[in-house]
Protein backbone atom coordinates (compact mmCIF):
# COMPACT_ATOMS: atom_id res chain seq x y z
CA MET A 1 74.28 55.60 17.99
CA HIS A 2 71.85 58.26 16.63
CA ARG A 3 72.50 61.67 18.17
CA PRO A 4 69.51 64.01 18.57
CA MET A 5 69.66 67.11 16.36
CA LYS A 6 70.45 70.32 18.20
CA LYS A 7 67.43 72.60 18.41
CA LEU A 8 67.54 76.14 17.01
CA LYS A 9 67.43 78.42 20.05
CA VAL A 10 65.64 81.71 19.38
CA GLY A 11 65.62 84.57 21.89
CA ILE A 12 63.18 87.50 21.95
CA ILE A 13 65.17 90.51 23.11
CA LYS A 14 64.04 93.36 25.33
CA GLU A 15 63.64 96.51 23.21
CA GLY A 16 66.43 98.91 24.13
CA LYS A 17 65.79 101.85 21.82
CA VAL A 18 64.65 105.16 23.31
CA PRO A 19 61.86 106.27 23.07
CA VAL A 20 60.65 102.82 24.07
CA ASP A 21 58.74 100.57 21.70
CA LYS A 22 56.20 98.30 23.37
CA ARG A 23 55.80 95.90 20.43
CA VAL A 24 57.20 92.38 20.33
CA PRO A 25 57.92 90.00 17.40
CA LEU A 26 56.02 87.11 19.04
CA THR A 27 53.22 87.40 21.59
CA PRO A 28 52.92 84.73 24.30
CA LYS A 29 50.27 82.78 22.36
CA LYS A 30 52.27 83.06 19.12
CA CYS A 31 55.29 81.61 20.96
CA VAL A 32 53.19 78.56 21.90
CA GLU A 33 51.97 78.29 18.31
CA ALA A 34 55.52 78.50 16.91
CA LEU A 35 56.76 75.79 19.29
CA LYS A 36 53.95 73.46 18.21
CA ALA A 37 54.57 74.14 14.51
CA PHE A 38 58.37 73.74 14.60
CA THR A 39 59.59 70.84 16.75
CA ASP A 40 63.26 71.84 16.27
CA LEU A 41 62.61 75.26 17.82
CA GLU A 42 63.48 76.37 21.34
CA LEU A 43 62.22 79.81 22.46
CA VAL A 44 63.24 82.07 25.34
CA VAL A 45 62.19 85.61 26.21
CA GLN A 46 64.38 88.26 27.79
CA PRO A 47 62.48 89.89 30.68
CA SER A 48 61.20 93.39 29.89
CA ASP A 49 59.40 96.11 31.80
CA VAL A 50 58.43 98.00 28.63
CA ARG A 51 56.77 95.29 26.55
CA CYS A 52 52.99 95.42 25.97
CA PHE A 53 52.84 91.76 27.07
CA LYS A 54 54.06 91.31 30.63
CA ASP A 55 56.70 88.73 31.57
CA GLU A 56 54.02 86.86 33.53
CA GLU A 57 51.92 86.44 30.38
CA TYR A 58 54.81 84.50 28.80
CA ALA A 59 55.60 82.53 31.97
CA GLU A 60 51.95 81.51 32.41
CA LEU A 61 52.06 79.77 29.03
CA GLY A 62 55.31 77.97 29.87
CA ILE A 63 57.61 80.23 27.83
CA LYS A 64 60.99 80.43 29.56
CA LEU A 65 62.28 83.85 30.66
CA GLN A 66 66.05 84.24 30.33
CA GLN A 67 68.12 87.37 30.99
CA ASP A 68 71.36 86.30 29.29
CA LEU A 69 70.73 85.44 25.63
CA SER A 70 74.33 84.65 24.71
CA ASP A 71 73.52 80.94 24.18
CA CYS A 72 70.85 81.73 21.54
CA ASP A 73 71.42 81.10 17.83
CA VAL A 74 68.94 83.73 16.60
CA LEU A 75 67.77 86.94 18.29
CA LEU A 76 64.49 88.65 17.38
CA GLY A 77 63.76 92.31 18.09
CA VAL A 78 61.58 95.03 16.58
CA LYS A 79 63.47 98.33 16.41
CA GLU A 80 67.21 99.05 16.09
CA VAL A 81 69.30 97.40 18.82
CA PRO A 82 71.53 99.81 20.78
CA ILE A 83 75.18 99.15 19.84
CA ASP A 84 76.28 98.30 23.39
CA LEU A 85 73.58 95.60 23.59
CA LEU A 86 74.59 93.79 20.37
CA ILE A 87 76.01 90.32 21.15
CA PRO A 88 78.91 89.40 18.81
CA ASP A 89 78.67 86.43 16.39
CA LYS A 90 74.86 86.21 16.53
CA THR A 91 72.11 86.27 13.88
CA TYR A 92 69.71 89.17 14.46
CA PHE A 93 66.33 90.01 12.97
CA PHE A 94 65.11 93.62 13.45
CA PHE A 95 64.18 96.76 11.54
CA SER A 96 67.66 98.29 11.09
CA HIS A 97 66.64 101.32 8.98
CA THR A 98 69.95 101.20 7.11
CA ILE A 99 69.08 100.18 3.53
CA LYS A 100 68.33 103.77 2.46
CA LYS A 101 71.62 104.88 4.10
CA GLN A 102 69.76 106.61 6.95
CA PRO A 103 72.52 108.80 8.46
CA HIS A 104 71.66 108.12 12.12
CA ASN A 105 72.17 104.35 11.70
CA ALA A 106 75.54 104.22 9.89
CA LYS A 107 77.20 103.63 13.25
CA LEU A 108 74.85 100.72 13.96
CA LEU A 109 75.71 98.98 10.68
CA ARG A 110 79.40 99.55 11.34
CA ALA A 111 79.01 97.85 14.74
CA VAL A 112 77.14 94.92 13.16
CA LEU A 113 80.10 94.35 10.83
CA ALA A 114 82.71 94.84 13.55
CA LYS A 115 80.95 92.34 15.85
CA ASN A 116 80.79 89.61 13.20
CA ILE A 117 76.97 89.70 13.24
CA THR A 118 74.54 88.32 10.66
CA LEU A 119 71.79 90.92 10.19
CA ILE A 120 68.48 90.05 8.56
CA ASP A 121 66.15 93.03 8.22
CA TYR A 122 62.38 92.43 8.26
CA GLU A 123 62.03 95.12 5.60
CA THR A 124 64.19 93.13 3.19
CA LEU A 125 62.37 89.80 3.61
CA THR A 126 60.49 89.45 0.34
CA THR A 127 59.13 86.98 -2.15
CA ALA A 128 61.12 86.44 -5.37
CA ASN A 129 59.12 89.24 -7.03
CA GLY A 130 59.70 91.73 -4.22
CA GLN A 131 56.52 91.45 -2.10
CA ARG A 132 57.17 92.19 1.58
CA LEU A 133 56.61 89.16 3.84
CA VAL A 134 56.46 90.77 7.28
CA ALA A 135 55.31 94.27 8.10
CA PHE A 136 53.33 96.40 10.52
CA GLY A 137 51.66 98.26 7.61
CA ARG A 138 48.10 97.16 8.28
CA TYR A 139 48.20 98.62 11.79
CA ALA A 140 49.83 101.81 10.55
CA GLY A 141 46.78 102.18 8.30
CA ILE A 142 44.30 101.29 11.05
CA VAL A 143 45.72 103.75 13.58
CA GLY A 144 46.46 106.38 10.92
CA ALA A 145 42.89 106.46 9.62
CA TYR A 146 41.52 106.59 13.17
CA ASN A 147 43.89 109.48 13.97
CA GLY A 148 42.86 111.27 10.77
CA ILE A 149 39.17 111.16 11.73
CA LEU A 150 40.07 112.09 15.34
CA THR A 151 42.01 115.11 14.02
CA TYR A 152 39.13 116.27 11.79
CA GLY A 153 36.65 115.91 14.68
CA LYS A 154 38.90 117.95 16.94
CA LYS A 155 39.64 120.59 14.30
CA TRP A 156 35.94 121.37 13.78
CA ASP A 157 34.88 120.61 17.38
CA LEU A 158 32.49 117.86 16.21
CA PHE A 159 33.46 114.97 18.49
CA SER A 160 36.30 113.85 20.72
CA LEU A 161 37.72 110.37 20.11
CA LYS A 162 39.87 108.69 22.75
CA PRO A 163 43.47 108.56 21.38
CA ALA A 164 44.37 105.08 20.12
CA TYR A 165 47.36 104.80 22.44
CA LEU A 166 45.04 105.17 25.46
CA CYS A 167 42.93 102.24 24.21
CA HIS A 168 43.81 98.79 25.60
CA ASP A 169 43.41 97.18 22.18
CA ILE A 170 41.56 97.53 18.88
CA GLU A 171 38.24 96.38 20.38
CA ASP A 172 38.49 99.20 22.92
CA MET A 173 39.24 101.64 20.09
CA GLN A 174 36.23 100.44 18.08
CA GLU A 175 33.97 101.42 20.99
CA GLU A 176 34.69 105.03 19.94
CA PHE A 177 33.43 104.61 16.38
CA PHE A 178 29.79 105.47 17.23
CA LYS A 179 30.84 109.10 17.80
CA VAL A 180 31.70 109.42 14.10
CA LYS A 181 27.96 109.47 13.31
CA GLN A 182 28.33 113.23 13.81
CA LEU A 183 30.62 113.43 10.75
CA PRO A 184 29.10 115.73 8.08
CA PRO A 185 28.97 114.65 4.38
CA VAL A 186 32.72 115.00 3.86
CA LYS A 187 34.79 113.34 1.16
CA ILE A 188 37.81 111.32 2.25
CA ALA A 189 40.58 110.31 -0.16
CA VAL A 190 42.67 107.20 0.60
CA THR A 191 45.80 106.88 -1.56
CA GLY A 192 47.51 103.54 -2.11
CA GLY A 193 46.79 99.89 -2.73
CA GLY A 194 48.91 98.04 -0.17
CA ARG A 195 48.59 96.89 3.44
CA VAL A 196 48.55 100.45 4.81
CA ALA A 197 45.62 101.54 2.62
CA GLY A 198 43.86 98.26 3.42
CA GLY A 199 44.13 98.96 7.16
CA ALA A 200 42.83 102.51 6.71
CA MET A 201 39.82 101.31 4.71
CA GLU A 202 39.03 98.67 7.36
CA VAL A 203 38.52 101.50 9.85
CA LEU A 204 36.42 103.64 7.49
CA ASP A 205 34.22 100.63 6.68
CA LEU A 206 33.70 99.82 10.37
CA MET A 207 32.84 103.48 11.00
CA GLY A 208 30.05 103.07 8.44
CA ILE A 209 31.61 105.45 5.91
CA LYS A 210 30.54 104.46 2.39
CA LYS A 211 33.10 103.64 -0.31
CA VAL A 212 32.32 105.14 -3.74
CA SER A 213 33.94 104.93 -7.17
CA VAL A 214 36.57 107.45 -8.19
CA PHE A 215 34.20 108.90 -10.82
CA ASP A 216 31.33 109.35 -8.34
CA TYR A 217 33.74 110.81 -5.79
CA LEU A 218 34.86 113.45 -8.27
CA TYR A 219 31.54 114.36 -9.85
CA LYS A 220 28.67 113.54 -7.48
CA GLN A 221 27.40 115.16 -4.30
CA PHE A 222 26.46 113.01 -1.29
CA GLU A 223 24.37 113.56 1.82
CA GLU A 224 26.63 111.28 3.91
CA PRO A 225 30.41 110.99 4.39
CA VAL A 226 32.08 108.91 1.65
CA TYR A 227 35.56 107.78 0.71
CA ALA A 228 37.35 106.67 -2.45
CA GLN A 229 40.52 104.65 -2.86
CA LEU A 230 42.93 106.34 -5.26
CA HIS A 231 45.65 104.37 -7.05
CA SER A 232 48.73 105.93 -8.68
CA GLY A 233 47.01 105.90 -12.09
CA ASP A 234 44.17 108.05 -10.75
CA TYR A 235 46.42 111.03 -9.96
CA ASN A 236 49.52 110.69 -12.15
CA THR A 237 49.89 111.01 -15.90
CA ARG A 238 52.72 110.80 -18.39
CA PRO A 239 52.20 113.74 -20.79
CA ASP A 240 53.67 111.91 -23.81
CA VAL A 241 51.70 108.67 -23.29
CA GLU A 242 47.91 108.39 -23.35
CA VAL A 243 47.41 104.97 -21.74
CA TRP A 244 48.30 104.34 -18.08
CA HIS A 245 50.88 101.57 -17.68
CA ALA A 246 51.73 100.86 -14.02
CA PRO A 247 55.09 99.11 -14.61
CA ASP A 248 56.31 102.15 -16.55
CA PHE A 249 55.29 104.48 -13.70
CA TYR A 250 57.28 102.44 -11.17
CA GLU A 251 60.26 102.31 -13.52
CA ASN A 252 60.19 105.93 -14.71
CA PRO A 253 58.32 107.98 -12.09
CA HIS A 254 60.31 111.12 -13.01
CA LEU A 255 58.52 111.25 -16.40
CA TYR A 256 55.11 111.70 -14.75
CA LYS A 257 53.12 114.74 -13.61
CA SER A 258 50.61 114.83 -10.76
CA THR A 259 46.94 115.34 -11.62
CA PHE A 260 45.90 115.26 -7.97
CA ARG A 261 44.54 118.80 -8.17
CA LYS A 262 41.16 117.52 -9.40
CA PHE A 263 40.86 115.55 -6.13
CA ALA A 264 42.12 118.43 -3.97
CA ARG A 265 39.11 120.48 -5.15
CA VAL A 266 36.58 118.04 -3.69
CA THR A 267 38.44 116.37 -0.79
CA ASP A 268 38.08 117.36 2.88
CA ILE A 269 40.28 114.69 4.50
CA LEU A 270 43.31 113.06 2.89
CA LEU A 271 44.61 109.74 4.25
CA ALA A 272 48.00 109.32 2.54
CA CYS A 273 48.82 105.59 2.52
CA SER A 274 50.75 105.24 -0.73
CA TYR A 275 54.44 104.36 -0.95
CA TRP A 276 56.26 107.31 -2.52
CA ASN A 277 59.38 107.22 -4.67
CA PRO A 278 61.43 110.45 -4.34
CA ARG A 279 61.70 110.48 -8.16
CA ALA A 280 57.90 110.62 -8.49
CA PRO A 281 55.93 113.87 -8.50
CA LYS A 282 54.54 115.18 -5.21
CA LEU A 283 50.75 114.96 -4.88
CA PHE A 284 50.46 118.75 -4.97
CA THR A 285 52.66 121.81 -4.52
CA GLU A 286 52.62 124.38 -1.75
CA GLU A 287 51.53 126.89 -4.40
CA GLU A 288 48.49 124.71 -5.24
CA ALA A 289 47.64 124.49 -1.53
CA ARG A 290 47.29 128.29 -1.53
CA GLN A 291 44.66 128.32 -4.28
CA PRO A 292 41.07 129.18 -3.27
CA ASP A 293 39.75 125.89 -4.72
CA PHE A 294 42.12 123.72 -2.61
CA LYS A 295 39.62 122.13 -0.24
CA ILE A 296 41.68 119.69 1.87
CA ASN A 297 41.85 120.88 5.49
CA THR A 298 42.97 117.71 7.32
CA ILE A 299 45.77 115.36 6.25
CA ALA A 300 46.81 112.12 7.92
CA ASP A 301 50.21 111.47 6.35
CA ILE A 302 50.26 107.82 7.36
CA THR A 303 53.37 106.93 5.35
CA CYS A 304 54.99 110.01 6.90
CA ASP A 305 57.62 111.02 4.34
CA VAL A 306 58.93 114.35 5.64
CA ASN A 307 59.09 116.78 2.68
CA GLY A 308 57.88 113.86 0.56
CA SER A 309 54.66 113.31 -1.40
CA ILE A 310 52.80 115.74 0.90
CA PRO A 311 54.80 118.99 0.77
CA CYS A 312 53.20 120.35 3.96
CA THR A 313 54.54 117.41 6.01
CA LYS A 314 57.41 119.51 7.32
CA ARG A 315 58.16 117.25 10.28
CA SER A 316 57.00 114.04 11.90
CA THR A 317 54.92 114.16 15.08
CA THR A 318 54.74 112.07 18.24
CA ILE A 319 52.05 109.80 19.68
CA PRO A 320 51.24 112.17 22.61
CA ASP A 321 51.34 115.27 20.36
CA PRO A 322 50.19 113.99 16.95
CA ALA A 323 49.20 117.10 14.99
CA TYR A 324 50.30 120.55 13.89
CA ASP A 325 48.90 123.16 11.51
CA TYR A 326 50.37 124.18 8.18
CA ASN A 327 49.51 127.72 7.15
CA PRO A 328 49.23 127.64 3.32
CA ALA A 329 49.48 131.45 3.06
CA THR A 330 52.87 131.64 4.80
CA GLY A 331 54.16 128.08 4.28
CA GLU A 332 54.91 127.97 8.02
CA MET A 333 53.95 125.51 10.75
CA GLU A 334 51.66 126.68 13.55
CA PRO A 335 50.23 124.97 16.66
CA ALA A 336 47.51 122.42 15.89
CA TYR A 337 43.97 123.74 15.50
CA SER A 338 45.14 127.39 15.39
CA ARG A 339 42.70 128.49 12.68
CA GLY A 340 40.20 126.91 10.31
CA SER A 341 42.01 128.16 7.20
CA ASN A 342 45.11 126.11 8.09
CA ILE A 343 45.66 122.52 7.00
CA THR A 344 45.95 120.29 10.08
CA ILE A 345 48.58 117.57 9.64
CA MET A 346 48.81 114.27 11.55
CA ALA A 347 52.26 112.78 10.85
CA VAL A 348 53.06 110.25 13.60
CA ASP A 349 55.92 108.10 12.29
CA ASN A 350 55.41 105.06 14.56
CA LEU A 351 51.64 104.53 14.36
CA PRO A 352 51.52 100.76 15.07
CA CYS A 353 53.00 101.50 18.52
CA GLU A 354 49.62 102.98 19.50
CA LEU A 355 48.01 99.52 19.39
CA PRO A 356 51.05 97.41 20.26
CA ARG A 357 49.21 94.26 21.36
CA ASN A 358 47.21 93.94 18.15
CA ALA A 359 50.09 95.01 15.92
CA SER A 360 52.34 92.41 17.58
CA ARG A 361 49.79 89.63 17.05
CA ASP A 362 49.54 90.51 13.37
CA PHE A 363 53.31 90.65 12.99
CA GLY A 364 53.79 87.30 14.76
CA ARG A 365 51.35 85.72 12.32
CA HIS A 366 53.55 86.89 9.40
CA LEU A 367 56.70 85.59 11.11
CA ILE A 368 55.30 82.11 11.78
CA ASP A 369 53.77 81.74 8.32
CA ASN A 370 56.34 83.47 6.12
CA VAL A 371 59.74 83.45 7.86
CA PHE A 372 60.13 80.63 10.36
CA PRO A 373 59.70 77.83 7.79
CA HIS A 374 62.88 79.07 6.03
CA LEU A 375 64.88 78.74 9.25
CA PHE A 376 64.19 75.00 9.17
CA ASN A 377 64.08 74.10 5.46
CA GLY A 378 67.57 75.29 4.53
CA ASP A 379 66.12 78.50 3.02
CA LYS A 380 65.23 76.61 -0.16
CA VAL A 381 63.69 79.58 -1.97
CA GLY A 382 66.24 82.15 -0.75
CA VAL A 383 63.95 84.29 1.44
CA LEU A 384 66.53 84.65 4.22
CA GLY A 385 69.34 85.06 1.69
CA ARG A 386 67.58 88.01 0.05
CA GLY A 387 66.93 89.58 3.44
CA THR A 388 70.47 89.24 4.80
CA ILE A 389 72.25 92.61 4.85
CA ALA A 390 75.38 91.31 6.58
CA LYS A 391 76.58 87.74 6.99
CA ARG A 392 79.12 87.03 9.71
CA GLY A 393 80.37 90.61 9.70
CA LYS A 394 80.53 91.06 5.88
CA LEU A 395 78.02 92.90 3.70
CA THR A 396 76.30 90.51 1.28
CA GLU A 397 76.58 91.20 -2.44
CA ARG A 398 73.03 92.54 -2.66
CA TYR A 399 73.82 95.16 0.02
CA SER A 400 77.43 95.88 -0.93
CA TYR A 401 76.29 99.39 -1.94
CA LEU A 402 76.19 100.16 1.82
CA LYS A 403 79.98 99.81 2.17
CA ASP A 404 80.79 103.54 1.94
CA TYR A 405 77.83 104.33 4.20
CA ALA A 406 78.97 101.89 6.90
CA GLU A 407 82.52 103.21 6.76
CA SER A 408 81.47 106.88 6.75
CA VAL A 409 81.04 106.85 10.51
CA VAL A 410 84.68 105.84 10.96
CA VAL A 411 85.82 108.94 9.11
CA LYS A 412 83.52 111.15 11.19
CA GLU A 413 84.74 109.63 14.43
CA ARG A 414 88.37 110.34 13.58
CA VAL A 415 87.74 114.01 12.94
């Protein structure tokens, strides 16, 4: 007699990290879509009072709510799962923030190993050539660019945009764009070529801000606000090599020098969207920021690397309190909008959380298209294999370099 195949039971967990994150891996409609696309899938949702989609929105579409997820095969979250909420012997997907040996999460990885858990990190899910498959980057760019323009408007008392986190969704946020007509003929630099920069440019385009070439940006004057997209080759050079070769820059960033100063002389607003390697040069130095010809007065550090590519990003900021001033003369931080001569920095490190409903829809699309198929096809091309940090309580070979890091917490706890 033919026995029916057991379905893969996937549970969406309630986010437990504090401060709370309202995002979700699958929205109610995306759950319905996933169930239609994968007949061997069963989905349940743990009730939550913090999620941007209410329990009723799932229940209305026939998605089962279930408090105890111990009978699930796979558990999906967004941010790090608190150690006491980790269920032993399960497969988890979430952003663990462990692969760079982030000190605050060593204990979490240790618990994953001790509880015999299989951990797949969204950040490590890539194609064979290293392209990320799921990310919130586009919404980081969208909210970051909006916040950058909001900050500039507030700094010079030109207009007051409603903060993104007080908008119901992106359509509500776009209602604010008409106010930007009061923007003077500023120049806005967008660094980067990935999803984050793409999201930022979406916002600038919808605001009616014209995109110009790098050459025109540097050498022409405009009677309207404009922006240019800057790639690594536009502001980095290798002194001993005349021709730009991108693969060499990514392989040997320490051999390069920044030439960003030419942009700093003409730029009013910087939207930093480029991934930064700590071995690469910073965009500019604090000394250069003190020079009379340094024109940038507002920076949205969307990638938010503290003490990274933007040396005046001295700390990250929060959604309710998104900006502070950097005084170039003293190198010190001051309250936001203290004086015009300061550089005002927006460095919120969890930007997609400001538009959680839209960011969650986008993320769910990536999951259904790029990850779920591998749960049902035996992971033929190794996507899940590459993304697995720990398998049944053991670090995989690719992530074996985390062994000392995971064990470091044990030493600290004994002291």
